[in-house]
Amino acid sequence: MKLKAAALLLSALLIPFSPSAASASGTGGVAIDWNGESVRTTVPSYIENGVTFVSIDLISKLNGLSASWLPDEGLARLWVDRGGVFNFKPGTGYADDMDKRYPLGAVIAVKDGEVMLPLRFIAEMAGADISWDQTNNKVSVIQKRMAVASVPGTRNRLFAMSEDKGEYMGITLEWNGMLKSFPLWRNPYTVGSPPQLLAQDISGDGRPEAIILLNAGSGTGVYLEEPHVVDSRTFKEIRIQDPLEAARQRLVSTVERAGKDTVIRVTADGTVWERHLDKQESDGESPGGLTFGSIIKYEVRGGKLVAILAGAEGIENYLGEAVVTYTLQNGAYTAKSVSFSFYQ
């Protein structure tokens, strides 16, 4: 994809980072095999600090993603079909998504008017495998199927076993080149609710676990995530206590009328939270307490897996959220604590 009209802008942006300087220690003329066929490129691929860089138009050959040069922002942007956006700015040695920075090991450069992007980092996210033939100075790219989730910069990925009636039927986990299939896992085949894969040490043993978050239901007022934690050494799935069970055991809430006001009181693990609502803020119903279970999400906070449960007064009047923090105990992730906070 030639930059053409952006060439003058690029030259201004890249004075400290000229293509010749960026690739001075690299090896020019790297051959590229794409699914068994040699690919001719107008701008030669090259290797810098062990990182293979190819032109942006070659990256666009990968299924499951697209890339474009944005002259107004002075960067290349990669869109992953299943969800995710990454920025690659010439003169830097990292990729940015919305909340994390990923080191690439070498500086992004422009060569002969075309931005060059790191092949392995991007291709493995799309589900392709990369191999290096040192004898022939050649990189081979094989993409047999698209990844439905990945951890950028690694070969930790998820693949669908099959698809039927709008769902992924079974999921295969690839972790550092090893594969394990889970035939009973399901996830809708939609861009809005893709599976998620995280690599985080939530057990405290110094090794990251594979954390898979699947969409178990979504619609008006409903969003449910289904978590799975897999030991990255044994590939054994570890049981997770139901967060609703933990909330029922350790959290009590009341909704009471006090004149024109409604008083919401929540007690969890001995701590009390209270809020007063006027008649307009309340939905006018008094179910005896907040209801939980329509919205359940998961994330990692401070090295711990947490479940986030939205609490509602009546129907869809969400006032706050309970947070269940898990710890590994007796071979299962069980609730260590339950807390609550009102929304601002």
C-alpha atoms as a PDB file:
ATOM      1  CA  MET A   1       0.000   0.000   0.000  1.00  0.00           C
ATOM      2  CA  LYS A   2       1.964   3.054  -1.213  1.00  0.00           C
ATOM      3  CA  LEU A   3       1.851   6.154   0.930  1.00  0.00           C
ATOM      4  CA  LYS A   4       2.019   8.537  -2.070  1.00  0.00           C
ATOM      5  CA  ALA A   5       0.356  11.718  -0.845  1.00  0.00           C
ATOM      6  CA  ALA A   6       1.699  11.133   2.656  1.00  0.00           C
ATOM      7  CA  ALA A   7       5.322  10.935   1.515  1.00  0.00           C
ATOM      8  CA  LEU A   8       6.123  14.591   2.315  1.00  0.00           C
ATOM      9  CA  LEU A   9       4.480  14.294   5.709  1.00  0.00           C
ATOM     10  CA  LEU A  10       6.454  11.135   6.418  1.00  0.00           C
ATOM     11  CA  SER A  11       9.760  12.688   5.472  1.00  0.00           C
ATOM     12  CA  ALA A  12       9.075  15.498   7.917  1.00  0.00           C
ATOM     13  CA  LEU A  13       8.103  13.086  10.666  1.00  0.00           C
ATOM     14  CA  LEU A  14      11.032  10.767  10.190  1.00  0.00           C
ATOM     15  CA  ILE A  15      14.063  13.022   9.979  1.00  0.00           C
ATOM     16  CA  PRO A  16      15.604  11.441  13.111  1.00  0.00           C
ATOM     17  CA  PHE A  17      14.602   7.948  11.947  1.00  0.00           C
ATOM     18  CA  SER A  18      15.546   7.504   8.309  1.00  0.00           C
ATOM     19  CA  PRO A  19      14.869   4.051   6.770  1.00  0.00           C
ATOM     20  CA  SER A  20      18.555   3.562   6.025  1.00  0.00           C
ATOM     21  CA  ALA A  21      19.492   4.271   9.632  1.00  0.00           C
ATOM     22  CA  ALA A  22      16.720   2.059  11.007  1.00  0.00           C
ATOM     23  CA  SER A  23      17.784  -0.929   8.922  1.00  0.00           C
ATOM     24  CA  ALA A  24      21.529  -0.421   9.037  1.00  0.00           C
ATOM     25  CA  SER A  25      22.129  -3.545  11.119  1.00  0.00           C
ATOM     26  CA  GLY A  26      19.529  -5.605   9.271  1.00  0.00           C
ATOM     27  CA  THR A  27      19.771  -8.083   6.441  1.00  0.00           C
ATOM     28  CA  GLY A  28      18.245  -6.919   3.175  1.00  0.00           C
ATOM     29  CA  GLY A  29      16.406  -8.949   0.590  1.00  0.00           C
ATOM     30  CA  VAL A  30      14.667 -11.437   2.866  1.00  0.00           C
ATOM     31  CA  ALA A  31      12.567 -13.856   0.803  1.00  0.00           C
ATOM     32  CA  ILE A  32       8.961 -14.415   1.859  1.00  0.00           C
ATOM     33  CA  ASP A  33       6.946 -17.619   1.329  1.00  0.00           C
ATOM     34  CA  TRP A  34       3.211 -17.164   1.841  1.00  0.00           C
ATOM     35  CA  ASN A  35       1.251 -20.418   2.261  1.00  0.00           C
ATOM     36  CA  GLY A  36       3.836 -22.244   0.168  1.00  0.00           C
ATOM     37  CA  GLU A  37       4.190 -19.664  -2.592  1.00  0.00           C
ATOM     38  CA  SER A  38       6.946 -17.103  -3.052  1.00  0.00           C
ATOM     39  CA  VAL A  39       5.786 -13.510  -2.716  1.00  0.00           C
ATOM     40  CA  ARG A  40       7.337 -10.688  -4.703  1.00  0.00           C
ATOM     41  CA  THR A  41       7.295  -7.331  -2.945  1.00  0.00           C
ATOM     42  CA  THR A  42       8.017  -3.904  -4.415  1.00  0.00           C
ATOM     43  CA  VAL A  43       9.799  -2.933  -1.177  1.00  0.00           C
ATOM     44  CA  PRO A  44      12.277  -5.579   0.072  1.00  0.00           C
ATOM     45  CA  SER A  45      11.624  -7.136   3.454  1.00  0.00           C
ATOM     46  CA  TYR A  46      14.457  -6.968   5.963  1.00  0.00           C
ATOM     47  CA  ILE A  47      15.510  -8.141   9.428  1.00  0.00           C
ATOM     48  CA  GLU A  48      16.375  -5.712  12.217  1.00  0.00           C
ATOM     49  CA  ASN A  49      17.566  -7.051  15.597  1.00  0.00           C
ATOM     50  CA  GLY A  50      16.014 -10.418  14.761  1.00  0.00           C
ATOM     51  CA  VAL A  51      12.640  -8.884  13.802  1.00  0.00           C
ATOM     52  CA  THR A  52      11.390  -9.387  10.231  1.00  0.00           C
ATOM     53  CA  PHE A  53       9.767  -6.277   8.790  1.00  0.00           C
ATOM     54  CA  VAL A  54       7.504  -6.395   5.742  1.00  0.00           C
ATOM     55  CA  SER A  55       5.525  -3.751   3.906  1.00  0.00           C
ATOM     56  CA  ILE A  56       2.034  -2.880   5.093  1.00  0.00           C
ATOM     57  CA  ASP A  57       0.444  -4.217   1.896  1.00  0.00           C
ATOM     58  CA  LEU A  58       1.899  -7.664   2.613  1.00  0.00           C
ATOM     59  CA  ILE A  59       0.460  -7.624   6.158  1.00  0.00           C
ATOM     60  CA  SER A  60      -2.952  -6.991   4.603  1.00  0.00           C
ATOM     61  CA  LYS A  61      -2.808 -10.440   2.980  1.00  0.00           C
ATOM     62  CA  LEU A  62      -3.492 -12.049   6.368  1.00  0.00           C
ATOM     63  CA  ASN A  63      -7.079 -13.173   6.912  1.00  0.00           C
ATOM     64  CA  GLY A  64      -8.813 -11.721   9.930  1.00  0.00           C
ATOM     65  CA  LEU A  65      -7.234  -8.278   9.988  1.00  0.00           C
ATOM     66  CA  SER A  66      -6.642  -5.147   7.929  1.00  0.00           C
ATOM     67  CA  ALA A  67      -4.045  -2.384   8.066  1.00  0.00           C
ATOM     68  CA  SER A  68      -3.887   1.163   6.743  1.00  0.00           C
ATOM     69  CA  TRP A  69      -1.576   4.145   6.858  1.00  0.00           C
ATOM     70  CA  LEU A  70      -3.241   7.200   8.480  1.00  0.00           C
ATOM     71  CA  PRO A  71      -1.376  10.299   7.239  1.00  0.00           C
ATOM     72  CA  ASP A  72      -3.170  12.723   9.567  1.00  0.00           C
ATOM     73  CA  GLU A  73      -1.968  10.748  12.589  1.00  0.00           C
ATOM     74  CA  GLY A  74       1.394   9.721  11.146  1.00  0.00           C
ATOM     75  CA  LEU A  75       0.983   6.043  11.992  1.00  0.00           C
ATOM     76  CA  ALA A  76      -0.171   2.670  10.681  1.00  0.00           C
ATOM     77  CA  ARG A  77      -3.273   1.201  12.280  1.00  0.00           C
ATOM     78  CA  LEU A  78      -4.137  -2.484  12.433  1.00  0.00           C
ATOM     79  CA  TRP A  79      -7.748  -3.602  12.880  1.00  0.00           C
ATOM     80  CA  VAL A  80      -8.367  -7.176  14.080  1.00  0.00           C
ATOM     81  CA  ASP A  81     -11.712  -8.465  12.827  1.00  0.00           C
ATOM     82  CA  ARG A  82     -12.620 -10.191  16.100  1.00  0.00           C
ATOM     83  CA  GLY A  83     -11.925  -6.946  17.974  1.00  0.00           C
ATOM     84  CA  GLY A  84      -8.833  -4.922  18.789  1.00  0.00           C
ATOM     85  CA  VAL A  85      -6.955  -1.969  17.310  1.00  0.00           C
ATOM     86  CA  PHE A  86      -3.159  -1.537  17.297  1.00  0.00           C
ATOM     87  CA  ASN A  87      -1.111   1.505  16.347  1.00  0.00           C
ATOM     88  CA  PHE A  88       2.417   1.362  14.868  1.00  0.00           C
ATOM     89  CA  LYS A  89       4.214   4.711  14.760  1.00  0.00           C
ATOM     90  CA  PRO A  90       7.434   5.060  12.746  1.00  0.00           C
ATOM     91  CA  GLY A  91      10.438   5.892  14.885  1.00  0.00           C
ATOM     92  CA  THR A  92       9.166   3.863  17.852  1.00  0.00           C
ATOM     93  CA  GLY A  93       9.878   0.299  18.891  1.00  0.00           C
ATOM     94  CA  TYR A  94       6.469  -0.707  20.194  1.00  0.00           C
ATOM     95  CA  ALA A  95       2.823  -1.240  19.268  1.00  0.00           C
ATOM     96  CA  ASP A  96      -0.005   0.410  21.203  1.00  0.00           C
ATOM     97  CA  ASP A  97      -3.539  -0.756  21.747  1.00  0.00           C
ATOM     98  CA  MET A  98      -6.100   1.099  23.837  1.00  0.00           C
ATOM     99  CA  ASP A  99      -4.570   0.246  27.223  1.00  0.00           C
ATOM    100  CA  LYS A 100      -1.208  -1.488  26.758  1.00  0.00           C
ATOM    101  CA  ARG A 101       2.144  -1.029  25.045  1.00  0.00           C
ATOM    102  CA  TYR A 102       3.907  -4.016  23.442  1.00  0.00           C
ATOM    103  CA  PRO A 103       7.691  -3.872  22.783  1.00  0.00           C
ATOM    104  CA  LEU A 104       8.685  -5.092  19.319  1.00  0.00           C
ATOM    105  CA  GLY A 105      12.443  -5.422  19.704  1.00  0.00           C
ATOM    106  CA  ALA A 106      13.235  -3.066  16.809  1.00  0.00           C
ATOM    107  CA  VAL A 107      12.207   0.336  15.490  1.00  0.00           C
ATOM    108  CA  ILE A 108       9.380   0.749  12.966  1.00  0.00           C
ATOM    109  CA  ALA A 109      10.674   2.511   9.855  1.00  0.00           C
ATOM    110  CA  VAL A 110       9.617   3.765   6.430  1.00  0.00           C
ATOM    111  CA  LYS A 111      11.481   2.351   3.447  1.00  0.00           C
ATOM    112  CA  ASP A 112      11.109   3.618  -0.117  1.00  0.00           C
ATOM    113  CA  GLY A 113       7.962   5.515   0.878  1.00  0.00           C
ATOM    114  CA  GLU A 114       6.277   2.530   2.500  1.00  0.00           C
ATOM    115  CA  VAL A 115       5.831   1.797   6.201  1.00  0.00           C
ATOM    116  CA  MET A 116       7.319  -1.521   7.321  1.00  0.00           C
ATOM    117  CA  LEU A 117       5.616  -3.590  10.037  1.00  0.00           C
ATOM    118  CA  PRO A 118       6.790  -6.496  12.246  1.00  0.00           C
ATOM    119  CA  LEU A 119       5.638  -9.708  10.579  1.00  0.00           C
ATOM    120  CA  ARG A 120       5.715 -12.213  13.451  1.00  0.00           C
ATOM    121  CA  PHE A 121       3.995  -9.947  15.989  1.00  0.00           C
ATOM    122  CA  ILE A 122       1.052  -9.375  13.645  1.00  0.00           C
ATOM    123  CA  ALA A 123       0.866 -12.723  11.836  1.00  0.00           C
ATOM    124  CA  GLU A 124       0.729 -14.838  14.989  1.00  0.00           C
ATOM    125  CA  MET A 125      -2.141 -12.713  16.298  1.00  0.00           C
ATOM    126  CA  ALA A 126      -4.049 -13.685  13.152  1.00  0.00           C
ATOM    127  CA  GLY A 127      -3.333 -17.401  13.701  1.00  0.00           C
ATOM    128  CA  ALA A 128      -0.457 -17.790  11.242  1.00  0.00           C
ATOM    129  CA  ASP A 129       2.740 -19.710  11.990  1.00  0.00           C
ATOM    130  CA  ILE A 130       6.136 -18.236  11.149  1.00  0.00           C
ATOM    131  CA  SER A 131       9.365 -20.134  10.465  1.00  0.00           C
ATOM    132  CA  TRP A 132      12.866 -18.991   9.499  1.00  0.00           C
ATOM    133  CA  ASP A 133      15.054 -20.749   6.930  1.00  0.00           C
ATOM    134  CA  GLN A 134      18.540 -19.392   7.620  1.00  0.00           C
ATOM    135  CA  THR A 135      20.164 -21.301   4.738  1.00  0.00           C
ATOM    136  CA  ASN A 136      17.956 -19.621   2.143  1.00  0.00           C
ATOM    137  CA  ASN A 137      17.428 -16.361   4.049  1.00  0.00           C
ATOM    138  CA  LYS A 138      13.683 -16.974   3.858  1.00  0.00           C
ATOM    139  CA  VAL A 139      10.672 -16.489   6.131  1.00  0.00           C
ATOM    140  CA  SER A 140       7.681 -18.809   5.674  1.00  0.00           C
ATOM    141  CA  VAL A 141       4.159 -17.777   6.665  1.00  0.00           C
ATOM    142  CA  ILE A 142       1.458 -20.447   6.940  1.00  0.00           C
ATOM    143  CA  GLN A 143      -2.097 -19.479   7.836  1.00  0.00           C
ATOM    144  CA  LYS A 144      -4.411 -22.485   7.935  1.00  0.00           C
ATOM    145  CA  ARG A 145      -7.100 -20.930  10.126  1.00  0.00           C
ATOM    146  CA  MET A 146      -7.831 -17.685  11.924  1.00  0.00           C
ATOM    147  CA  ALA A 147      -7.309 -17.237  15.639  1.00  0.00           C
ATOM    148  CA  VAL A 148     -10.461 -16.206  17.499  1.00  0.00           C
ATOM    149  CA  ALA A 149      -8.378 -14.702  20.343  1.00  0.00           C
ATOM    150  CA  SER A 150      -4.696 -14.195  21.087  1.00  0.00           C
ATOM    151  CA  VAL A 151      -2.197 -12.645  23.473  1.00  0.00           C
ATOM    152  CA  PRO A 152      -0.231 -10.142  21.340  1.00  0.00           C
ATOM    153  CA  GLY A 153       3.460 -10.899  20.994  1.00  0.00           C
ATOM    154  CA  THR A 154       3.057 -14.589  21.891  1.00  0.00           C
ATOM    155  CA  ARG A 155       1.868 -17.878  20.411  1.00  0.00           C
ATOM    156  CA  ASN A 156      -0.901 -18.081  23.005  1.00  0.00           C
ATOM    157  CA  ARG A 157      -4.080 -18.293  20.933  1.00  0.00           C
ATOM    158  CA  LEU A 158      -7.580 -19.692  20.685  1.00  0.00           C
ATOM    159  CA  PHE A 159      -9.039 -21.435  17.621  1.00  0.00           C
ATOM    160  CA  ALA A 160     -12.603 -22.558  16.975  1.00  0.00           C
ATOM    161  CA  MET A 161     -12.992 -26.312  16.595  1.00  0.00           C
ATOM    162  CA  SER A 162     -16.053 -25.778  14.384  1.00  0.00           C
ATOM    163  CA  GLU A 163     -18.826 -23.285  13.713  1.00  0.00           C
ATOM    164  CA  ASP A 164     -22.569 -23.927  13.654  1.00  0.00           C
ATOM    165  CA  LYS A 165     -25.659 -21.716  13.845  1.00  0.00           C
ATOM    166  CA  GLY A 166     -23.707 -18.591  14.736  1.00  0.00           C
ATOM    167  CA  GLU A 167     -21.566 -20.214  17.422  1.00  0.00           C
ATOM    168  CA  TYR A 168     -18.056 -21.495  17.865  1.00  0.00           C
ATOM    169  CA  MET A 169     -18.566 -25.142  18.826  1.00  0.00           C
ATOM    170  CA  GLY A 170     -15.586 -26.076  20.958  1.00  0.00           C
ATOM    171  CA  ILE A 171     -12.380 -24.099  21.449  1.00  0.00           C
ATOM    172  CA  THR A 172      -8.752 -25.196  21.026  1.00  0.00           C
ATOM    173  CA  LEU A 173      -6.184 -23.500  23.247  1.00  0.00           C
ATOM    174  CA  GLU A 174      -2.657 -23.123  21.883  1.00  0.00           C
ATOM    175  CA  TRP A 175      -0.130 -22.230  24.557  1.00  0.00           C
ATOM    176  CA  ASN A 176       3.529 -21.887  23.610  1.00  0.00           C
ATOM    177  CA  GLY A 177       3.084 -24.350  20.743  1.00  0.00           C
ATOM    178  CA  MET A 178       1.095 -26.969  22.746  1.00  0.00           C
ATOM    179  CA  LEU A 179      -2.556 -27.642  21.920  1.00  0.00           C
ATOM    180  CA  LYS A 180      -5.536 -28.697  24.059  1.00  0.00           C
ATOM    181  CA  SER A 181      -9.146 -28.790  22.862  1.00  0.00           C
ATOM    182  CA  PHE A 182     -12.225 -28.135  24.991  1.00  0.00           C
ATOM    183  CA  PRO A 183     -15.201 -29.442  22.960  1.00  0.00           C
ATOM    184  CA  LEU A 184     -17.897 -28.181  25.342  1.00  0.00           C
ATOM    185  CA  TRP A 185     -16.896 -24.525  25.274  1.00  0.00           C
ATOM    186  CA  ARG A 186     -19.206 -22.266  23.256  1.00  0.00           C
ATOM    187  CA  ASN A 187     -19.106 -18.654  22.125  1.00  0.00           C
ATOM    188  CA  PRO A 188     -21.220 -16.638  19.662  1.00  0.00           C
ATOM    189  CA  TYR A 189     -19.613 -16.048  16.295  1.00  0.00           C
ATOM    190  CA  THR A 190     -20.053 -12.273  16.304  1.00  0.00           C
ATOM    191  CA  VAL A 191     -17.609  -9.387  16.253  1.00  0.00           C
ATOM    192  CA  GLY A 192     -19.304  -7.811  19.276  1.00  0.00           C
ATOM    193  CA  SER A 193     -18.677 -10.711  21.662  1.00  0.00           C
ATOM    194  CA  PRO A 194     -15.466 -12.554  20.753  1.00  0.00           C
ATOM    195  CA  PRO A 195     -13.696 -14.909  23.178  1.00  0.00           C
ATOM    196  CA  GLN A 196     -10.959 -13.305  25.242  1.00  0.00           C
ATOM    197  CA  LEU A 197      -7.600 -14.811  26.169  1.00  0.00           C
ATOM    198  CA  LEU A 198      -5.422 -13.443  28.979  1.00  0.00           C
ATOM    199  CA  ALA A 199      -2.024 -14.576  30.234  1.00  0.00           C
ATOM    200  CA  GLN A 200      -1.763 -13.588  33.895  1.00  0.00           C
ATOM    201  CA  ASP A 201      -0.307 -15.136  37.041  1.00  0.00           C
ATOM    202  CA  ILE A 202      -3.387 -15.260  39.279  1.00  0.00           C
ATOM    203  CA  SER A 203      -2.265 -18.248  41.370  1.00  0.00           C
ATOM    204  CA  GLY A 204       0.914 -16.649  42.708  1.00  0.00           C
ATOM    205  CA  ASP A 205       3.222 -19.428  41.507  1.00  0.00           C
ATOM    206  CA  GLY A 206       5.205 -17.180  39.144  1.00  0.00           C
ATOM    207  CA  ARG A 207       3.743 -18.715  35.960  1.00  0.00           C
ATOM    208  CA  PRO A 208       0.918 -17.134  33.949  1.00  0.00           C
ATOM    209  CA  GLU A 209      -2.335 -19.041  33.716  1.00  0.00           C
ATOM    210  CA  ALA A 210      -4.467 -19.142  30.585  1.00  0.00           C
ATOM    211  CA  ILE A 211      -7.658 -17.211  31.349  1.00  0.00           C
ATOM    212  CA  ILE A 212     -10.425 -17.634  28.810  1.00  0.00           C
ATOM    213  CA  LEU A 213     -13.540 -15.464  28.944  1.00  0.00           C
ATOM    214  CA  LEU A 214     -16.491 -16.608  26.838  1.00  0.00           C
ATOM    215  CA  ASN A 215     -19.766 -14.838  26.144  1.00  0.00           C
ATOM    216  CA  ALA A 216     -22.511 -16.825  27.862  1.00  0.00           C
ATOM    217  CA  GLY A 217     -25.365 -14.474  27.030  1.00  0.00           C
ATOM    218  CA  SER A 218     -26.017 -10.916  25.908  1.00  0.00           C
ATOM    219  CA  GLY A 219     -28.998  -8.768  25.068  1.00  0.00           C
ATOM    220  CA  THR A 220     -31.008  -5.888  26.477  1.00  0.00           C
ATOM    221  CA  GLY A 221     -29.925  -5.504  30.097  1.00  0.00           C
ATOM    222  CA  VAL A 222     -27.991  -8.782  30.018  1.00  0.00           C
ATOM    223  CA  TYR A 223     -24.282  -9.516  29.605  1.00  0.00           C
ATOM    224  CA  LEU A 224     -22.796 -12.689  31.042  1.00  0.00           C
ATOM    225  CA  GLU A 225     -19.211 -13.877  30.795  1.00  0.00           C
ATOM    226  CA  GLU A 226     -18.193 -17.476  31.416  1.00  0.00           C
ATOM    227  CA  PRO A 227     -14.649 -17.806  32.797  1.00  0.00           C
ATOM    228  CA  HIS A 228     -12.213 -20.697  32.409  1.00  0.00           C
ATOM    229  CA  VAL A 229      -8.761 -20.912  33.977  1.00  0.00           C
ATOM    230  CA  VAL A 230      -6.322 -23.470  32.566  1.00  0.00           C
ATOM    231  CA  ASP A 231      -3.000 -24.375  34.185  1.00  0.00           C
ATOM    232  CA  SER A 232      -0.437 -23.503  31.503  1.00  0.00           C
ATOM    233  CA  ARG A 233       1.832 -26.397  32.502  1.00  0.00           C
ATOM    234  CA  THR A 234      -0.638 -29.285  32.861  1.00  0.00           C
ATOM    235  CA  PHE A 235      -3.482 -27.900  30.673  1.00  0.00           C
ATOM    236  CA  LYS A 236      -5.882 -28.882  33.449  1.00  0.00           C
ATOM    237  CA  GLU A 237      -8.897 -26.625  33.909  1.00  0.00           C
ATOM    238  CA  ILE A 238      -9.259 -25.247  37.438  1.00  0.00           C
ATOM    239  CA  ARG A 239     -12.724 -24.851  38.966  1.00  0.00           C
ATOM    240  CA  ILE A 240     -14.020 -21.342  39.761  1.00  0.00           C
ATOM    241  CA  GLN A 241     -16.639 -20.738  42.447  1.00  0.00           C
ATOM    242  CA  ASP A 242     -19.896 -19.257  41.152  1.00  0.00           C
ATOM    243  CA  PRO A 243     -19.767 -15.516  41.969  1.00  0.00           C
ATOM    244  CA  LEU A 244     -23.516 -15.418  42.616  1.00  0.00           C
ATOM    245  CA  GLU A 245     -23.052 -18.127  45.230  1.00  0.00           C
ATOM    246  CA  ALA A 246     -20.280 -16.073  46.839  1.00  0.00           C
ATOM    247  CA  ALA A 247     -22.438 -12.935  46.783  1.00  0.00           C
ATOM    248  CA  ARG A 248     -25.387 -14.747  48.372  1.00  0.00           C
ATOM    249  CA  GLN A 249     -23.152 -16.047  51.156  1.00  0.00           C
ATOM    250  CA  ARG A 250     -21.290 -12.824  51.935  1.00  0.00           C
ATOM    251  CA  LEU A 251     -23.415  -9.875  50.812  1.00  0.00           C
ATOM    252  CA  VAL A 252     -26.755  -8.560  52.077  1.00  0.00           C
ATOM    253  CA  SER A 253     -28.646  -5.606  50.618  1.00  0.00           C
ATOM    254  CA  THR A 254     -31.864  -3.819  51.524  1.00  0.00           C
ATOM    255  CA  VAL A 255     -34.061  -1.285  49.737  1.00  0.00           C
ATOM    256  CA  GLU A 256     -36.260   0.699  52.127  1.00  0.00           C
ATOM    257  CA  ARG A 257     -38.609   3.671  51.803  1.00  0.00           C
ATOM    258  CA  ALA A 258     -37.887   6.633  54.097  1.00  0.00           C
ATOM    259  CA  GLY A 259     -40.469   9.313  53.384  1.00  0.00           C
ATOM    260  CA  LYS A 260     -39.807  10.602  49.872  1.00  0.00           C
ATOM    261  CA  ASP A 261     -36.430   8.875  49.717  1.00  0.00           C
ATOM    262  CA  THR A 262     -35.294   5.344  49.018  1.00  0.00           C
ATOM    263  CA  VAL A 263     -32.422   4.054  51.181  1.00  0.00           C
ATOM    264  CA  ILE A 264     -30.121   1.450  49.625  1.00  0.00           C
ATOM    265  CA  ARG A 265     -27.916  -0.358  52.133  1.00  0.00           C
ATOM    266  CA  VAL A 266     -25.354  -3.021  51.236  1.00  0.00           C
ATOM    267  CA  THR A 267     -23.245  -5.042  53.685  1.00  0.00           C
ATOM    268  CA  ALA A 268     -20.419  -7.239  52.395  1.00  0.00           C
ATOM    269  CA  ASP A 269     -17.737  -8.910  54.511  1.00  0.00           C
ATOM    270  CA  GLY A 270     -18.635  -6.640  57.437  1.00  0.00           C
ATOM    271  CA  THR A 271     -18.441  -3.327  55.553  1.00  0.00           C
ATOM    272  CA  VAL A 272     -21.574  -1.204  54.998  1.00  0.00           C
ATOM    273  CA  TRP A 273     -22.323   1.038  52.010  1.00  0.00           C
ATOM    274  CA  GLU A 274     -25.402   3.291  51.959  1.00  0.00           C
ATOM    275  CA  ARG A 275     -27.036   5.629  49.473  1.00  0.00           C
ATOM    276  CA  HIS A 276     -30.200   7.733  49.568  1.00  0.00           C
ATOM    277  CA  LEU A 277     -32.198   8.174  46.364  1.00  0.00           C
ATOM    278  CA  ASP A 278     -35.044  10.594  45.771  1.00  0.00           C
ATOM    279  CA  LYS A 279     -38.211   9.416  44.075  1.00  0.00           C
ATOM    280  CA  GLN A 280     -36.965  10.328  40.581  1.00  0.00           C
ATOM    281  CA  GLU A 281     -33.756   8.297  40.989  1.00  0.00           C
ATOM    282  CA  SER A 282     -35.608   5.211  42.240  1.00  0.00           C
ATOM    283  CA  ASP A 283     -37.676   3.036  39.937  1.00  0.00           C
ATOM    284  CA  GLY A 284     -40.435   2.849  42.524  1.00  0.00           C
ATOM    285  CA  GLU A 285     -40.100  -0.862  43.249  1.00  0.00           C
ATOM    286  CA  SER A 286     -38.926  -2.445  46.475  1.00  0.00           C
ATOM    287  CA  PRO A 287     -37.828  -6.054  45.883  1.00  0.00           C
ATOM    288  CA  GLY A 288     -36.320  -6.286  49.371  1.00  0.00           C
ATOM    289  CA  GLY A 289     -32.782  -5.742  48.105  1.00  0.00           C
ATOM    290  CA  LEU A 290     -30.624  -5.288  45.048  1.00  0.00           C
ATOM    291  CA  THR A 291     -30.702  -8.005  42.428  1.00  0.00           C
ATOM    292  CA  PHE A 292     -27.537  -9.476  40.873  1.00  0.00           C
ATOM    293  CA  GLY A 293     -26.973 -11.801  37.959  1.00  0.00           C
ATOM    294  CA  SER A 294     -27.941  -9.928  34.787  1.00  0.00           C
ATOM    295  CA  ILE A 295     -24.467  -8.481  34.194  1.00  0.00           C
ATOM    296  CA  ILE A 296     -21.393 -10.488  35.207  1.00  0.00           C
ATOM    297  CA  LYS A 297     -17.907  -9.689  33.895  1.00  0.00           C
ATOM    298  CA  TYR A 298     -14.401 -10.846  34.802  1.00  0.00           C
ATOM    299  CA  GLU A 299     -10.970  -9.247  34.816  1.00  0.00           C
ATOM    300  CA  VAL A 300      -7.608  -9.404  36.560  1.00  0.00           C
ATOM    301  CA  ARG A 301      -6.862  -6.797  39.226  1.00  0.00           C
ATOM    302  CA  GLY A 302      -3.658  -6.743  41.215  1.00  0.00           C
ATOM    303  CA  GLY A 303      -2.779 -10.269  40.164  1.00  0.00           C
ATOM    304  CA  LYS A 304      -6.159 -11.651  41.232  1.00  0.00           C
ATOM    305  CA  LEU A 305      -9.136 -12.868  39.213  1.00  0.00           C
ATOM    306  CA  VAL A 306     -12.235 -10.837  40.040  1.00  0.00           C
ATOM    307  CA  ALA A 307     -15.887 -11.138  39.075  1.00  0.00           C
ATOM    308  CA  ILE A 308     -17.899  -7.929  38.715  1.00  0.00           C
ATOM    309  CA  LEU A 309     -21.647  -8.218  39.320  1.00  0.00           C
ATOM    310  CA  ALA A 310     -23.898  -5.260  38.571  1.00  0.00           C
ATOM    311  CA  GLY A 311     -26.572  -4.663  41.223  1.00  0.00           C
ATOM    312  CA  ALA A 312     -29.981  -3.298  40.255  1.00  0.00           C
ATOM    313  CA  GLU A 313     -32.939  -1.864  42.112  1.00  0.00           C
ATOM    314  CA  GLY A 314     -35.963  -3.236  40.322  1.00  0.00           C
ATOM    315  CA  ILE A 315     -35.607  -3.633  36.562  1.00  0.00           C
ATOM    316  CA  GLU A 316     -32.363  -2.388  34.962  1.00  0.00           C
ATOM    317  CA  ASN A 317     -31.864   0.483  37.450  1.00  0.00           C
ATOM    318  CA  TYR A 318     -28.206  -0.401  38.038  1.00  0.00           C
ATOM    319  CA  LEU A 319     -26.844   1.417  41.075  1.00  0.00           C
ATOM    320  CA  GLY A 320     -23.509  -0.256  41.796  1.00  0.00           C
ATOM    321  CA  GLU A 321     -21.454  -3.398  41.562  1.00  0.00           C
ATOM    322  CA  ALA A 322     -20.234  -6.198  43.771  1.00  0.00           C
ATOM    323  CA  VAL A 323     -16.658  -7.379  43.253  1.00  0.00           C
ATOM    324  CA  VAL A 324     -15.749 -10.965  44.104  1.00  0.00           C
ATOM    325  CA  THR A 325     -11.985 -11.465  44.457  1.00  0.00           C
ATOM    326  CA  TYR A 326     -10.729 -15.028  44.025  1.00  0.00           C
ATOM    327  CA  THR A 327      -7.783 -16.922  45.485  1.00  0.00           C
ATOM    328  CA  LEU A 328      -6.509 -20.415  44.692  1.00  0.00           C
ATOM    329  CA  GLN A 329      -7.390 -22.684  47.594  1.00  0.00           C
ATOM    330  CA  ASN A 330      -7.543 -26.492  47.705  1.00  0.00           C
ATOM    331  CA  GLY A 331      -7.232 -26.738  43.942  1.00  0.00           C
ATOM    332  CA  ALA A 332     -10.039 -24.271  43.097  1.00  0.00           C
ATOM    333  CA  TYR A 333     -10.510 -20.540  42.786  1.00  0.00           C
ATOM    334  CA  THR A 334     -12.762 -19.538  45.674  1.00  0.00           C
ATOM    335  CA  ALA A 335     -13.997 -16.167  46.917  1.00  0.00           C
ATOM    336  CA  LYS A 336     -11.429 -14.488  49.164  1.00  0.00           C
ATOM    337  CA  SER A 337     -13.474 -11.324  49.592  1.00  0.00           C
ATOM    338  CA  VAL A 338     -16.632  -9.588  48.412  1.00  0.00           C
ATOM    339  CA  SER A 339     -16.896  -5.802  48.241  1.00  0.00           C
ATOM    340  CA  PHE A 340     -19.377  -3.298  46.846  1.00  0.00           C
ATOM    341  CA  SER A 341     -19.302   0.219  45.420  1.00  0.00           C
ATOM    342  CA  PHE A 342     -22.048   2.535  44.194  1.00  0.00           C
ATOM    343  CA  TYR A 343     -21.756   4.043  40.745  1.00  0.00           C
ATOM    344  CA  GLN A 344     -20.976   7.745  40.608  1.00  0.00           C
END
